[in-house]
Every structure is written in structure tokens, then in C-alpha cells.
Amino acid sequence: MNKIQLEELFKNFPQFKFVNVTQSNLGRKDSPTFSIYVSLDSKDTWINNIFFNSNYLIFQYYNDKLEVISKSYKLPTFRKKIINSSQILQKTLANYLSML
């Protein structure tokens, strides 16, 4: 998956009011790492306009693995998953969001 595909997939979930995807090619150019910043709160409700003051998650996607590297303490734990397709990603996110 590339940056645009990831961003579109995450934006398909209305629970994510904010989505930002960044790409890093450190190490190997054929295996980029994507950081996906999502918030369950709209940007205008963030205290002092700070992302980390919202109900946020920071996902990292690399080598077909998806994990959360940081999150709001209020949110449930997300276990590392192997993601081989966009369908698996959608199902994984839907399952996580159903726990909220």
C-alpha cells in the first residue's frame, strides 16, 4: 500500500475526524514506513489546538505490519497485526473501533 491508499482507507471511517499520513524512506527505499496520525475528535475541540490533547492514535505501518506506537490513555490497546490487503486493514480498524 502507498501513502494515498492508506490515507483514503483511514478517512473512510467517520470515527476518525482527523487523519494525516507521513512517509519515511530511511533505511530501504523499497520498504517505506508510514506513520498515520488519527484523532477521534475534530481539530477545533483540541485543547490549545494540540493533537496530543485529543483522543488520538499514532499507527505505524511497515513491512505489512500495523501497530500503534502512541495513543490517548483513554483508548483501548491495539495489538500489532499483519496486514496483507486493504480488506484486512478495513476489518482490523472496524474491529478496533467497535471496542470504543
C-alpha atoms as a PDB file:
ATOM      1  CA  MET A   1       0.000   0.000   0.000  1.00  0.00           C
ATOM      2  CA  ASN A   2       1.118   3.529  -0.616  1.00  0.00           C
ATOM      3  CA  LYS A   3       0.521   6.779   1.246  1.00  0.00           C
ATOM      4  CA  ILE A   4      -2.564   7.798  -0.734  1.00  0.00           C
ATOM      5  CA  GLN A   5      -4.214   4.383  -0.340  1.00  0.00           C
ATOM      6  CA  LEU A   6      -3.607   4.377   3.410  1.00  0.00           C
ATOM      7  CA  GLU A   7      -4.965   7.894   3.809  1.00  0.00           C
ATOM      8  CA  GLU A   8      -8.121   7.040   1.847  1.00  0.00           C
ATOM      9  CA  LEU A   9      -8.705   3.852   3.854  1.00  0.00           C
ATOM     10  CA  PHE A  10      -8.411   5.645   7.195  1.00  0.00           C
ATOM     11  CA  LYS A  11     -10.587   8.543   6.021  1.00  0.00           C
ATOM     12  CA  ASN A  12     -13.355   6.060   5.143  1.00  0.00           C
ATOM     13  CA  PHE A  13     -14.004   5.666   8.868  1.00  0.00           C
ATOM     14  CA  PRO A  14     -16.182   8.551  10.092  1.00  0.00           C
ATOM     15  CA  GLN A  15     -14.953   7.991  13.666  1.00  0.00           C
ATOM     16  CA  PHE A  16     -11.580   9.394  12.581  1.00  0.00           C
ATOM     17  CA  LYS A  17     -12.200  13.139  12.484  1.00  0.00           C
ATOM     18  CA  PHE A  18      -8.552  13.869  11.644  1.00  0.00           C
ATOM     19  CA  VAL A  19      -6.179  11.771   9.515  1.00  0.00           C
ATOM     20  CA  ASN A  20      -2.614  12.588   8.485  1.00  0.00           C
ATOM     21  CA  VAL A  21      -0.206  10.125   6.867  1.00  0.00           C
ATOM     22  CA  THR A  22       3.548  10.663   6.632  1.00  0.00           C
ATOM     23  CA  GLN A  23       6.112   8.509   4.848  1.00  0.00           C
ATOM     24  CA  SER A  24       9.716   7.787   5.796  1.00  0.00           C
ATOM     25  CA  ASN A  25      12.194   6.100   3.493  1.00  0.00           C
ATOM     26  CA  LEU A  26      15.029   5.809   5.988  1.00  0.00           C
ATOM     27  CA  GLY A  27      16.874   2.560   5.565  1.00  0.00           C
ATOM     28  CA  ARG A  28      15.410   0.979   2.440  1.00  0.00           C
ATOM     29  CA  LYS A  29      13.581   2.828  -0.301  1.00  0.00           C
ATOM     30  CA  ASP A  30      11.692  -0.297  -1.326  1.00  0.00           C
ATOM     31  CA  SER A  31      10.211  -0.664   2.176  1.00  0.00           C
ATOM     32  CA  PRO A  32       8.875   2.685   3.433  1.00  0.00           C
ATOM     33  CA  THR A  33       7.415   3.238   6.876  1.00  0.00           C
ATOM     34  CA  PHE A  34       4.147   5.135   7.182  1.00  0.00           C
ATOM     35  CA  SER A  35       3.032   6.987  10.301  1.00  0.00           C
ATOM     36  CA  ILE A  36      -0.710   7.520  10.452  1.00  0.00           C
ATOM     37  CA  TYR A  37      -1.946  10.172  12.885  1.00  0.00           C
ATOM     38  CA  VAL A  38      -5.657   9.913  13.670  1.00  0.00           C
ATOM     39  CA  SER A  39      -7.910  11.643  16.153  1.00  0.00           C
ATOM     40  CA  LEU A  40     -11.416  10.737  17.219  1.00  0.00           C
ATOM     41  CA  ASP A  41     -12.029  14.418  17.982  1.00  0.00           C
ATOM     42  CA  SER A  42     -12.413  17.209  15.466  1.00  0.00           C
ATOM     43  CA  LYS A  43      -9.481  19.589  15.339  1.00  0.00           C
ATOM     44  CA  ASP A  44     -11.449  22.553  16.689  1.00  0.00           C
ATOM     45  CA  THR A  45     -12.053  20.695  20.002  1.00  0.00           C
ATOM     46  CA  TRP A  46      -8.391  20.002  20.766  1.00  0.00           C
ATOM     47  CA  ILE A  47      -7.279  21.828  23.904  1.00  0.00           C
ATOM     48  CA  ASN A  48      -4.818  24.559  22.875  1.00  0.00           C
ATOM     49  CA  ASN A  49      -5.062  23.173  19.319  1.00  0.00           C
ATOM     50  CA  ILE A  50      -2.657  20.347  20.260  1.00  0.00           C
ATOM     51  CA  PHE A  51      -3.105  16.913  18.650  1.00  0.00           C
ATOM     52  CA  PHE A  52      -1.881  15.085  21.760  1.00  0.00           C
ATOM     53  CA  ASN A  53      -4.668  16.692  23.820  1.00  0.00           C
ATOM     54  CA  SER A  54      -7.256  14.780  21.794  1.00  0.00           C
ATOM     55  CA  ASN A  55      -8.343  11.141  21.738  1.00  0.00           C
ATOM     56  CA  TYR A  56      -5.582  10.197  19.321  1.00  0.00           C
ATOM     57  CA  LEU A  57      -3.734   7.190  17.946  1.00  0.00           C
ATOM     58  CA  ILE A  58      -0.488   7.071  16.017  1.00  0.00           C
ATOM     59  CA  PHE A  59      -0.266   3.968  13.861  1.00  0.00           C
ATOM     60  CA  GLN A  60       2.889   2.776  12.163  1.00  0.00           C
ATOM     61  CA  TYR A  61       2.654   0.650   9.011  1.00  0.00           C
ATOM     62  CA  TYR A  62       5.741  -1.100   7.654  1.00  0.00           C
ATOM     63  CA  ASN A  63       6.554  -4.468   6.074  1.00  0.00           C
ATOM     64  CA  ASP A  64       2.843  -5.388   6.126  1.00  0.00           C
ATOM     65  CA  LYS A  65       2.626  -4.787   9.883  1.00  0.00           C
ATOM     66  CA  LEU A  66       0.341  -2.286  11.597  1.00  0.00           C
ATOM     67  CA  GLU A  67       0.893  -1.231  15.186  1.00  0.00           C
ATOM     68  CA  VAL A  68       0.060   1.672  17.478  1.00  0.00           C
ATOM     69  CA  ILE A  69       3.145   3.489  18.723  1.00  0.00           C
ATOM     70  CA  SER A  70       1.272   6.087  20.790  1.00  0.00           C
ATOM     71  CA  LYS A  71      -2.310   6.696  21.884  1.00  0.00           C
ATOM     72  CA  SER A  72      -4.503   8.574  24.299  1.00  0.00           C
ATOM     73  CA  TYR A  73      -4.648   6.805  27.645  1.00  0.00           C
ATOM     74  CA  LYS A  74      -8.439   6.681  27.350  1.00  0.00           C
ATOM     75  CA  LEU A  75      -8.373   4.364  24.343  1.00  0.00           C
ATOM     76  CA  PRO A  76      -8.104   0.551  24.393  1.00  0.00           C
ATOM     77  CA  THR A  77      -4.912  -1.289  23.498  1.00  0.00           C
ATOM     78  CA  PHE A  78      -4.300  -2.118  19.842  1.00  0.00           C
ATOM     79  CA  ARG A  79      -2.300  -5.264  19.173  1.00  0.00           C
ATOM     80  CA  LYS A  80       0.200  -5.454  16.313  1.00  0.00           C
ATOM     81  CA  LYS A  81      -1.394  -7.008  13.205  1.00  0.00           C
ATOM     82  CA  ILE A  82      -0.186  -8.423   9.905  1.00  0.00           C
ATOM     83  CA  ILE A  83      -1.952  -6.523   7.118  1.00  0.00           C
ATOM     84  CA  ASN A  84      -1.700  -8.135   3.667  1.00  0.00           C
ATOM     85  CA  SER A  85      -4.528  -6.272   1.944  1.00  0.00           C
ATOM     86  CA  SER A  86      -6.775  -3.258   2.211  1.00  0.00           C
ATOM     87  CA  GLN A  87      -9.693  -5.558   3.135  1.00  0.00           C
ATOM     88  CA  ILE A  88      -7.772  -6.867   6.161  1.00  0.00           C
ATOM     89  CA  LEU A  89      -6.909  -3.304   7.158  1.00  0.00           C
ATOM     90  CA  GLN A  90     -10.558  -2.251   6.957  1.00  0.00           C
ATOM     91  CA  LYS A  91     -11.673  -5.248   9.014  1.00  0.00           C
ATOM     92  CA  THR A  92      -8.933  -4.656  11.614  1.00  0.00           C
ATOM     93  CA  LEU A  93      -9.854  -0.985  12.025  1.00  0.00           C
ATOM     94  CA  ALA A  94     -13.572  -1.772  12.170  1.00  0.00           C
ATOM     95  CA  ASN A  95     -12.957  -4.361  14.897  1.00  0.00           C
ATOM     96  CA  TYR A  96     -10.868  -1.899  16.908  1.00  0.00           C
ATOM     97  CA  LEU A  97     -13.393   0.904  16.537  1.00  0.00           C
ATOM     98  CA  SER A  98     -16.199  -1.411  17.668  1.00  0.00           C
ATOM     99  CA  MET A  99     -14.436  -1.632  21.056  1.00  0.00           C
ATOM    100  CA  LEU A 100     -14.821   2.114  21.653  1.00  0.00           C
END
